[in-house]
Amino acid sequence: MNLFKAYQQAFESSLEDFNQGQSPPNLYQPIGYLLDLGGKRIRPFLTLMSGEAFGVSVKEAMGAAMAVEVFHNFTLMHDDIMDKASLRRGKITVHEKWDVNTAILSGDAMLIKAYQCLETYPTDVFQKLTQLLSKTAIEVCEGQQYDIDFETQANTSEEAYIEMIRLKTAVLVGCALQMGAIIGGASVEDRKAIYDFGIQLGLAFQLQDDYLDTFGNQETFGKKIGGDILEDKKTILYHLAIKAGEEEQKQSLQSLLGGNNSIDDVEKIAQVKSLFEATSAQTAARDLIQHHSDLADIELQRLNIDEDQKSRFRDLKDWLMHRTY
């Protein structure tokens, strides 16, 4: 994304320094391996972008940006173990390449290293940043537990699902943005507004992911369409379909996503997609993404930053909403 090009080189250079010369190798090589797999780097770039909006240089905000990215990847390393995932970003997961014990310990080290990235800041700033990261970290754990719980629960509400993705995904987006504001000495009001902007942005981001997994273009999305369906995941599309569907449609959907292995993968994806379309869940999901985008706009207007900076955040939001990958 063009908005992030200015940050890419500086961040990758800092990441390279972060990965250098640490021992024992079997603790630190898995960390470097996972971080080098790439990804969108949206969260650290948000910290740098927010810092600049409040008058902070990229160099000054880099420690917090690194903390956010290292923490995010720590959660991925442990998530992959829990999910028994064999691939991450198209490459072998850490616990498969090494072993589960290594992935657990390296993940633990990543969490500690995330906090160490903040140690360069003055005491008062360090305290605010670590308090925010601790609050976010426990919320992400709560979101992950809700996600695990939902796998075995027959009935969960749309509201419960939204709260789960707020905790699992959106709070780290809010954290990333608020860190930049804290380093820049923003007011309490501005710190809250940019955090709330991040929450709505994070919700829209995850809902867009849900949508693209079923209705995206496989060539641009970067992974097989229908993966959530094959894993029987009850994403926002499922909840919206259950909410609006006729009784027969609800029963069919619950059967299809209830561990039904009696049909092949292609047919299962086709039938579930057809039900999402017939119940208007596809349209409702797009409307919900737009709703959270509109709420993000409201928070953006509350910020005491110049209009050029607001336009950059608005461009970011629009890109996230309309992305195809």
Foldseek 3Di string as FASTA:
>chain_A
DVLQPVPVVVLVVVLVVVLPDDPDCLLRVLLNVLVVLDDPLVLLSLLQLLLVLLPHHSVLSNLLSLLLSLLVSLVVLVVCVVVVPQDDSRHGHSCVVPNDVSSPNSSVVSNVVSLVSLVVDPPVLSVVLVVLVVVLSVLLVVLVVLQVVVLPDLDDALVSQLSSQLSNWQQSQLSSNLSSCSSSVHDPLQSVLSSLLSSLLRSLLVLVVVLLLQPFDCVQLVHHRCPCLVQLHCHQLNNLLCVQDDPVLNVVSSCLSVPDPPDDDVVSSVSNVVSSVVSVSSVVSLVVSVVSLVVSVVSLVSHPGDPVSSVSVNVVSVCSNPPRD
